[in-house]
Amino acid sequence: MQKSSFWKAGHTPTLLASFFYFDLSFMVWVILGPLAVQISGDLGLTPAQKGLMVATPLLSGALLRIVMGVLVDHLKPKKAGIIGQVIVMSGMLWAWLGDLSTYHTMLAFGVILGFAGAAFAVALPLASRWYPPEHQGTALGIAGAGNSGTAFAALFAPTLAIIFGWQNVFGLCLIPLSVAFIVYLVFTKDAPNAPPAKSLLEYLHVLKDKDAWWFMFFYSVTFGGFSGLASSLTIYFNGQYGLSPVTAGYFTAACVFAGSAIRPLGGRLADRIGGIKTLSMMYMLAASFMLIASFGLSSAGAAVAIFVLAMLALGVGNGAVFQLVPQRFRKEIGVMTGLVGMAGGIGGFYLASSLGYSKQLTGSYQGGLIVFAALAIVALLGLSAVKNRWRTTWGSAAMTNAKI
């Protein structure tokens, strides 16, 4: 396919507006991570409490993706996205003007931030339904690159917190969120070929398909690694190397930007050589880099280099998973995006919280990183076990034009 054929195949304004909505939503979803050093200093949090605080939005977002996935199919993606954005902006207004002086209040705020993470279950179906199978990897890679918003949080939040105070950062976030909301209202459009809404019981039937569980596990490793590191690396660089919150935020932003910017390339690569081959290579690389990082590199610069490589592998893996999901579950893409996205958020919650508990119990982050590297190896073995069946059934040339 020529590059121009992709831009003629779907609805470009919806694709780009979906990306923008996703980008700003992810910025605020992980906002507690870059601010964690300053917040924990004011509230006197332990390493485990810091880990759980930054992990709570990840778990909340994971569970809410199911809710948003159901709303996508019942109300259509555009209306579901409007509801989610209003809730997030209301929560940010409360956080800006309210009392966030206790650990438990921060956890409650983290639950509200989960609605921003649930934007995943809206933006991807909104874009996906406009594009044919042979362009799914590219379309979802572009829309999914909205996870670059996590880099903006790491880049700007610590500095803004020093200038204005960390609580006022939540108020400042309302400015770009409002712009994204207006763009979303004006430019997004629901695809005309959306599948009819199903009952909740019919959604649960998807879980009877073992492929659904495989995709959930595969994404729990790729996106779980990405989101868990995005939320935790500012704390990691501060605790491991004594960097200031601002410098740690810059280092985190470099890692996160690498993982998010390459996601469209991951989808494009999967379109060209197949999602299975792409994902297999990325699991091997991600496991290797996470294992290297677990041994505690001698300098922050070396650590940044390794985490950038790990995030690149995970970012490509994210794009590859969502090149495969629409081929297997095109009619159930709304609920599958919610389920798979939920699993990714749970993976991120595990990594972020385990790093905090590992630091508190052992004085090192090594345990959490080693276990996650092992999960990547398990995912590689699982993919090897199912690839032949996938390529001879729903992924065969007789069933789809896309490379599997």
Protein backbone atom coordinates (compact mmCIF):
# COMPACT_ATOMS: atom_id res chain seq x y z
CA MET A 1 0.00 0.00 0.00
CA GLN A 2 1.14 3.54 -0.74
CA LYS A 3 1.29 5.89 2.20
CA SER A 4 -1.37 8.11 0.64
CA SER A 5 -3.84 5.22 0.61
CA PHE A 6 -3.87 5.17 4.40
CA TRP A 7 -4.85 8.84 4.65
CA LYS A 8 -7.69 8.26 2.19
CA ALA A 9 -8.92 5.10 3.88
CA GLY A 10 -10.48 6.58 7.02
CA HIS A 11 -11.42 9.86 8.71
CA THR A 12 -8.29 11.88 9.46
CA PRO A 13 -9.91 14.57 11.69
CA THR A 14 -11.29 11.85 13.99
CA LEU A 15 -7.94 10.07 14.06
CA LEU A 16 -5.98 13.19 14.99
CA ALA A 17 -8.57 14.45 17.49
CA SER A 18 -8.60 11.00 19.11
CA PHE A 19 -4.83 11.21 19.45
CA PHE A 20 -5.05 14.67 21.06
CA TYR A 21 -7.77 13.58 23.49
CA PHE A 22 -5.80 10.47 24.39
CA ASP A 23 -2.58 12.48 24.77
CA LEU A 24 -3.96 15.00 27.25
CA SER A 25 -5.86 12.31 29.15
CA PHE A 26 -2.69 10.30 29.65
CA MET A 27 -0.84 13.41 30.76
CA VAL A 28 -3.13 13.78 33.76
CA TRP A 29 -3.53 10.02 34.31
CA VAL A 30 0.09 9.70 35.47
CA ILE A 31 0.48 13.22 36.89
CA LEU A 32 1.02 11.89 40.43
CA GLY A 33 4.22 10.09 39.36
CA PRO A 34 6.24 13.20 38.40
CA LEU A 35 4.86 15.04 41.46
CA ALA A 36 5.40 12.13 43.87
CA VAL A 37 8.72 13.35 45.27
CA GLN A 38 7.26 16.73 46.23
CA ILE A 39 3.94 15.31 47.44
CA SER A 40 5.61 12.65 49.57
CA GLY A 41 7.89 15.27 51.08
CA ASP A 42 4.90 17.34 52.23
CA LEU A 43 2.80 14.36 53.37
CA GLY A 44 5.65 12.24 54.79
CA LEU A 45 4.97 9.13 52.71
CA THR A 46 6.97 5.89 52.92
CA PRO A 47 8.41 4.28 49.74
CA ALA A 48 5.55 1.77 49.73
CA GLN A 49 2.96 4.55 50.10
CA LYS A 50 4.59 6.50 47.26
CA GLY A 51 4.46 3.40 45.08
CA LEU A 52 0.80 2.75 45.88
CA MET A 53 -0.15 6.40 45.37
CA VAL A 54 1.25 6.52 41.84
CA ALA A 55 -0.11 3.03 41.09
CA THR A 56 -3.70 3.74 42.17
CA PRO A 57 -4.66 5.69 39.00
CA LEU A 58 -3.29 2.79 36.96
CA LEU A 59 -5.51 0.25 38.72
CA SER A 60 -8.53 2.55 38.67
CA GLY A 61 -7.99 3.28 34.99
CA ALA A 62 -7.68 -0.44 34.29
CA LEU A 63 -11.03 -1.26 35.87
CA LEU A 64 -12.80 1.77 34.40
CA ARG A 65 -11.73 0.74 30.91
CA ILE A 66 -14.30 -2.03 31.13
CA VAL A 67 -16.99 0.53 32.00
CA MET A 68 -15.91 2.82 29.18
CA GLY A 69 -15.71 -0.10 26.76
CA VAL A 70 -19.35 -0.92 27.48
CA LEU A 71 -20.34 2.74 27.10
CA VAL A 72 -18.52 2.89 23.76
CA ASP A 73 -20.69 0.16 22.31
CA HIS A 74 -23.93 1.34 23.90
CA LEU A 75 -23.59 5.13 23.51
CA LYS A 76 -20.99 5.18 20.69
CA PRO A 77 -17.40 6.34 21.24
CA LYS A 78 -17.89 10.10 20.91
CA LYS A 79 -20.54 10.37 23.62
CA ALA A 80 -18.60 8.04 25.93
CA GLY A 81 -15.54 10.25 25.53
CA ILE A 82 -17.51 13.37 26.42
CA ILE A 83 -18.69 11.76 29.66
CA GLY A 84 -15.18 10.67 30.59
CA GLN A 85 -13.64 14.08 29.94
CA VAL A 86 -16.25 15.92 32.02
CA ILE A 87 -15.56 13.61 34.97
CA VAL A 88 -11.79 14.11 34.68
CA MET A 89 -12.03 17.91 34.47
CA SER A 90 -14.40 17.97 37.45
CA GLY A 91 -11.94 15.85 39.43
CA MET A 92 -9.03 18.12 38.55
CA LEU A 93 -11.06 21.15 39.65
CA TRP A 94 -11.73 19.47 43.02
CA ALA A 95 -8.06 18.55 43.41
CA TRP A 96 -7.02 22.12 42.67
CA LEU A 97 -9.44 23.82 45.07
CA GLY A 98 -9.95 21.07 47.67
CA ASP A 99 -7.98 19.64 50.60
CA LEU A 100 -5.34 17.06 49.59
CA SER A 101 -3.43 17.01 52.86
CA THR A 102 -3.67 13.28 53.64
CA TYR A 103 -2.46 10.06 52.03
CA HIS A 104 -5.98 8.65 51.79
CA THR A 105 -7.23 11.77 50.03
CA MET A 106 -4.48 11.34 47.46
CA LEU A 107 -5.60 7.75 46.91
CA ALA A 108 -9.18 8.95 46.37
CA PHE A 109 -7.94 11.48 43.83
CA GLY A 110 -6.00 8.68 42.15
CA VAL A 111 -9.25 6.77 41.67
CA ILE A 112 -10.78 9.77 39.86
CA LEU A 113 -7.69 10.05 37.65
CA GLY A 114 -8.50 6.53 36.49
CA PHE A 115 -11.16 8.02 34.20
CA ALA A 116 -8.34 9.72 32.28
CA GLY A 117 -6.61 6.37 31.82
CA ALA A 118 -9.90 4.88 30.64
CA ALA A 119 -9.72 7.23 27.63
CA PHE A 120 -7.82 4.36 26.03
CA ALA A 121 -11.08 2.40 25.69
CA VAL A 122 -12.68 5.32 23.83
CA ALA A 123 -9.96 6.80 21.62
CA LEU A 124 -8.86 3.53 20.05
CA PRO A 125 -12.31 2.26 18.96
CA LEU A 126 -13.23 5.78 17.82
CA ALA A 127 -10.27 5.71 15.42
CA SER A 128 -10.24 1.98 14.64
CA ARG A 129 -13.78 1.76 13.28
CA TRP A 130 -12.91 4.11 10.42
CA TYR A 131 -10.09 1.94 8.99
CA PRO A 132 -9.94 -1.38 7.07
CA PRO A 133 -7.97 -4.39 8.44
CA GLU A 134 -4.80 -3.69 6.46
CA HIS A 135 -4.46 -0.25 8.13
CA GLN A 136 -5.38 -1.17 11.71
CA GLY A 137 -1.81 -1.25 12.98
CA THR A 138 -1.03 2.19 11.59
CA ALA A 139 -4.32 3.80 12.66
CA LEU A 140 -4.19 2.43 16.19
CA GLY A 141 -0.50 3.21 16.39
CA ILE A 142 -1.19 6.88 15.66
CA ALA A 143 -4.16 7.08 18.04
CA GLY A 144 -2.28 5.06 20.66
CA ALA A 145 0.73 7.38 20.45
CA GLY A 146 -1.34 9.60 22.73
CA ASN A 147 0.45 7.87 25.57
CA SER A 148 3.15 10.46 24.85
CA GLY A 149 1.16 12.63 27.24
CA THR A 150 2.93 10.80 30.03
CA ALA A 151 6.16 12.40 28.81
CA PHE A 152 4.65 15.89 29.06
CA ALA A 153 3.66 15.19 32.66
CA ALA A 154 7.23 14.17 33.52
CA LEU A 155 8.71 17.08 31.60
CA PHE A 156 6.67 19.96 33.00
CA ALA A 157 4.95 18.92 36.24
CA PRO A 158 7.98 19.00 38.61
CA THR A 159 9.05 22.46 37.42
CA LEU A 160 5.52 23.86 37.62
CA ALA A 161 5.23 22.42 41.13
CA ILE A 162 8.32 24.34 42.23
CA ILE A 163 7.02 27.59 40.74
CA PHE A 164 3.33 27.38 41.67
CA GLY A 165 3.05 24.55 44.22
CA TRP A 166 2.13 20.96 43.36
CA GLN A 167 -1.59 21.38 44.05
CA ASN A 168 -1.85 24.30 41.63
CA VAL A 169 -0.47 22.04 38.88
CA PHE A 170 -3.87 20.33 38.83
CA GLY A 171 -5.54 23.66 38.10
CA LEU A 172 -3.06 24.45 35.34
CA CYS A 173 -3.86 21.09 33.73
CA LEU A 174 -7.43 22.27 33.18
CA ILE A 175 -6.23 24.65 30.46
CA PRO A 176 -4.96 22.03 27.97
CA LEU A 177 -7.74 19.63 28.99
CA SER A 178 -10.34 22.25 28.02
CA VAL A 179 -8.67 22.78 24.64
CA ALA A 180 -8.65 19.03 23.98
CA PHE A 181 -12.33 18.84 24.94
CA ILE A 182 -13.28 21.56 22.43
CA VAL A 183 -11.21 19.91 19.67
CA TYR A 184 -12.88 16.59 20.45
CA LEU A 185 -16.38 18.09 20.26
CA VAL A 186 -15.69 19.80 16.94
CA PHE A 187 -13.66 17.27 14.95
CA THR A 188 -14.51 13.72 16.06
CA LYS A 189 -17.20 11.72 14.31
CA ASP A 190 -18.51 8.22 14.98
CA ALA A 191 -17.92 5.74 12.15
CA PRO A 192 -21.10 4.79 10.26
CA ASN A 193 -20.36 1.05 10.37
CA ALA A 194 -20.34 0.64 14.15
CA PRO A 195 -21.56 -2.78 15.32
CA PRO A 196 -24.91 -2.86 17.14
CA ALA A 197 -24.86 -2.61 20.93
CA LYS A 198 -24.81 -5.85 22.87
CA SER A 199 -26.06 -6.75 26.33
CA LEU A 200 -23.61 -6.97 29.21
CA LEU A 201 -24.08 -10.74 29.19
CA GLU A 202 -22.95 -10.85 25.57
CA TYR A 203 -19.81 -8.94 26.51
CA LEU A 204 -19.00 -11.53 29.15
CA HIS A 205 -19.19 -14.19 26.45
CA VAL A 206 -15.97 -12.78 25.00
CA LEU A 207 -14.17 -14.00 28.11
CA LYS A 208 -15.06 -17.56 27.17
CA ASP A 209 -12.69 -17.22 24.23
CA LYS A 210 -9.15 -18.14 25.28
CA ASP A 211 -7.68 -15.72 22.74
CA ALA A 212 -9.19 -12.84 24.73
CA TRP A 213 -7.20 -13.93 27.77
CA TRP A 214 -4.01 -14.25 25.72
CA PHE A 215 -4.35 -10.71 24.41
CA MET A 216 -5.04 -9.44 27.91
CA PHE A 217 -1.88 -11.09 29.20
CA PHE A 218 0.27 -9.92 26.30
CA TYR A 219 -0.81 -6.31 26.80
CA SER A 220 -0.42 -6.50 30.57
CA VAL A 221 3.30 -6.93 29.89
CA THR A 222 3.82 -4.40 27.08
CA PHE A 223 1.58 -1.58 28.27
CA GLY A 224 1.98 -2.58 31.91
CA GLY A 225 5.71 -2.09 31.58
CA PHE A 226 5.27 1.23 29.80
CA SER A 227 2.71 2.75 32.19
CA GLY A 228 4.34 1.33 35.31
CA LEU A 229 7.70 2.84 34.39
CA ALA A 230 6.12 6.12 33.29
CA SER A 231 4.59 6.47 36.75
CA SER A 232 7.64 5.30 38.70
CA LEU A 233 10.81 6.48 36.99
CA THR A 234 10.80 9.95 38.58
CA ILE A 235 10.74 8.27 41.99
CA TYR A 236 13.35 5.74 40.81
CA PHE A 237 15.85 8.33 39.56
CA ASN A 238 15.37 10.42 42.70
CA GLY A 239 15.77 7.48 45.09
CA GLN A 240 18.45 5.53 43.20
CA TYR A 241 20.70 8.39 42.07
CA GLY A 242 19.66 11.32 44.25
CA LEU A 243 18.52 13.45 41.33
CA SER A 244 16.32 16.48 41.98
CA PRO A 245 12.62 16.10 41.10
CA VAL A 246 13.06 18.33 38.04
CA THR A 247 16.10 16.46 36.69
CA ALA A 248 14.46 13.12 37.45
CA GLY A 249 11.41 14.36 35.55
CA TYR A 250 13.54 15.25 32.51
CA PHE A 251 15.14 11.80 32.54
CA THR A 252 11.74 10.16 32.87
CA ALA A 253 10.35 12.24 30.01
CA ALA A 254 13.16 11.02 27.73
CA CYS A 255 12.31 7.39 28.51
CA VAL A 256 8.57 7.86 28.19
CA PHE A 257 8.78 9.85 24.97
CA ALA A 258 10.81 7.08 23.37
CA GLY A 259 8.18 4.47 24.24
CA SER A 260 5.24 6.56 23.11
CA ALA A 261 6.72 8.07 19.94
CA ILE A 262 7.63 4.67 18.56
CA ARG A 263 4.18 3.14 19.05
CA PRO A 264 2.96 4.15 15.55
CA LEU A 265 6.11 2.58 14.11
CA GLY A 266 5.28 -0.57 16.05
CA GLY A 267 1.86 -0.68 14.44
CA ARG A 268 3.34 0.07 11.03
CA LEU A 269 6.00 -2.62 11.45
CA ALA A 270 3.34 -5.11 12.49
CA ASP A 271 1.31 -4.24 9.38
CA ARG A 272 4.37 -5.01 7.25
CA ILE A 273 5.89 -8.13 8.86
CA GLY A 274 3.05 -9.35 11.10
CA GLY A 275 2.10 -8.65 14.70
CA ILE A 276 3.31 -12.02 16.00
CA LYS A 277 6.86 -11.64 14.67
CA THR A 278 7.05 -8.03 15.86
CA LEU A 279 5.77 -8.85 19.32
CA SER A 280 8.11 -11.83 19.72
CA MET A 281 11.19 -9.72 19.05
CA MET A 282 10.04 -7.00 21.41
CA TYR A 283 9.44 -9.36 24.33
CA MET A 284 13.00 -10.65 24.04
CA LEU A 285 14.43 -7.15 23.99
CA ALA A 286 12.23 -5.81 26.79
CA ALA A 287 13.10 -8.72 29.08
CA SER A 288 16.80 -8.22 28.44
CA PHE A 289 16.78 -4.50 29.17
CA MET A 290 14.62 -4.81 32.30
CA LEU A 291 17.00 -7.49 33.61
CA ILE A 292 20.02 -5.27 32.96
CA ALA A 293 18.31 -2.36 34.73
CA SER A 294 17.53 -4.55 37.74
CA PHE A 295 21.21 -4.84 38.64
CA GLY A 296 21.47 -1.14 39.36
CA LEU A 297 23.67 0.66 36.83
CA SER A 298 26.52 2.79 38.12
CA SER A 299 25.30 6.09 36.69
CA ALA A 300 21.99 7.77 36.00
CA GLY A 301 23.04 8.30 32.38
CA ALA A 302 23.53 4.58 31.83
CA ALA A 303 20.19 3.88 33.50
CA VAL A 304 18.44 6.35 31.20
CA ALA A 305 19.96 4.65 28.16
CA ILE A 306 18.76 1.19 29.26
CA PHE A 307 15.27 2.40 30.20
CA VAL A 308 14.97 4.23 26.86
CA LEU A 309 15.75 0.95 25.08
CA ALA A 310 13.29 -0.93 27.27
CA MET A 311 10.58 1.65 26.57
CA LEU A 312 11.27 1.48 22.84
CA ALA A 313 10.72 -2.28 22.93
CA LEU A 314 7.55 -1.95 25.02
CA GLY A 315 6.22 0.84 22.77
CA VAL A 316 6.64 -1.26 19.64
CA GLY A 317 4.99 -4.14 21.50
CA ASN A 318 1.98 -1.95 22.33
CA GLY A 319 1.51 -1.15 18.66
CA ALA A 320 1.89 -4.80 17.67
CA VAL A 321 -0.75 -6.06 20.12
CA PHE A 322 -3.30 -3.65 18.70
CA GLN A 323 -2.49 -4.64 15.16
CA LEU A 324 -3.64 -8.15 16.11
CA VAL A 325 -6.67 -7.46 18.33
CA PRO A 326 -8.92 -5.89 15.63
CA GLN A 327 -8.21 -8.82 13.29
CA ARG A 328 -9.42 -11.35 15.84
CA PHE A 329 -12.22 -9.36 17.51
CA ARG A 330 -13.37 -6.76 14.96
CA LYS A 331 -17.04 -7.04 15.92
CA GLU A 332 -16.21 -6.83 19.63
CA ILE A 333 -13.50 -4.17 19.34
CA GLY A 334 -15.13 -1.90 21.93
CA VAL A 335 -15.28 -4.44 24.73
CA MET A 336 -11.97 -6.02 23.74
CA THR A 337 -10.25 -2.64 23.86
CA GLY A 338 -11.68 -2.24 27.35
CA LEU A 339 -10.62 -5.73 28.47
CA VAL A 340 -7.15 -5.60 26.95
CA GLY A 341 -6.65 -2.04 28.19
CA MET A 342 -7.76 -3.12 31.66
CA ALA A 343 -5.12 -5.83 31.67
CA GLY A 344 -2.50 -3.29 30.61
CA GLY A 345 -3.45 -1.01 33.48
CA ILE A 346 -3.29 -3.87 35.96
CA GLY A 347 0.20 -4.71 34.70
CA GLY A 348 1.21 -1.10 35.26
CA PHE A 349 -0.30 -1.11 38.76
CA TYR A 350 1.68 -4.24 39.61
CA LEU A 351 4.98 -2.81 38.39
CA ALA A 352 4.58 0.60 40.01
CA SER A 353 3.43 -0.77 43.37
CA SER A 354 5.96 -3.63 43.40
CA LEU A 355 8.84 -1.22 42.85
CA GLY A 356 7.74 0.76 45.91
CA TYR A 357 7.34 -2.33 48.09
CA SER A 358 10.63 -3.78 46.83
CA LYS A 359 12.43 -0.56 47.79
CA GLN A 360 10.85 -0.48 51.25
CA LEU A 361 11.44 -4.16 52.05
CA THR A 362 14.89 -4.70 50.54
CA GLY A 363 16.28 -1.20 49.98
CA SER A 364 16.47 -1.93 46.24
CA TYR A 365 14.20 -1.86 43.19
CA GLN A 366 15.77 -5.05 41.84
CA GLY A 367 13.05 -7.51 42.83
CA GLY A 368 10.24 -5.71 41.03
CA LEU A 369 12.26 -5.33 37.83
CA ILE A 370 13.40 -8.96 37.76
CA VAL A 371 9.89 -10.32 38.16
CA PHE A 372 8.63 -8.11 35.35
CA ALA A 373 11.45 -9.27 33.07
CA ALA A 374 10.38 -12.83 33.85
CA LEU A 375 6.80 -11.99 32.86
CA ALA A 376 8.06 -10.82 29.46
CA ILE A 377 9.73 -14.20 28.95
CA VAL A 378 6.51 -16.00 29.94
CA ALA A 379 4.61 -13.83 27.42
CA LEU A 380 7.12 -14.81 24.71
CA LEU A 381 6.60 -18.49 25.49
CA GLY A 382 2.82 -18.02 25.40
CA LEU A 383 2.98 -16.27 22.03
CA SER A 384 5.09 -19.12 20.66
CA ALA A 385 2.44 -21.58 21.83
CA VAL A 386 -0.46 -19.89 20.01
CA LYS A 387 1.12 -18.46 16.86
CA ASN A 388 0.63 -21.52 14.64
CA ARG A 389 -3.04 -21.79 15.54
CA TRP A 390 -3.60 -18.08 14.94
CA ARG A 391 -1.87 -18.14 11.56
CA THR A 392 -3.95 -21.08 10.33
CA THR A 393 -7.36 -19.90 11.60
CA TRP A 394 -8.46 -16.28 11.94
CA GLY A 395 -5.07 -14.98 10.77
CA SER A 396 -4.88 -17.06 7.60
CA ALA A 397 -4.73 -15.43 4.16
CA ALA A 398 -8.23 -16.68 3.49
CA MET A 399 -9.62 -14.77 6.46
CA THR A 400 -7.82 -11.41 6.36
CA ASN A 401 -5.70 -9.18 4.12
CA ALA A 402 -3.53 -8.20 7.07
CA LYS A 403 -0.26 -9.89 7.96
CA ILE A 404 -0.47 -11.79 11.22
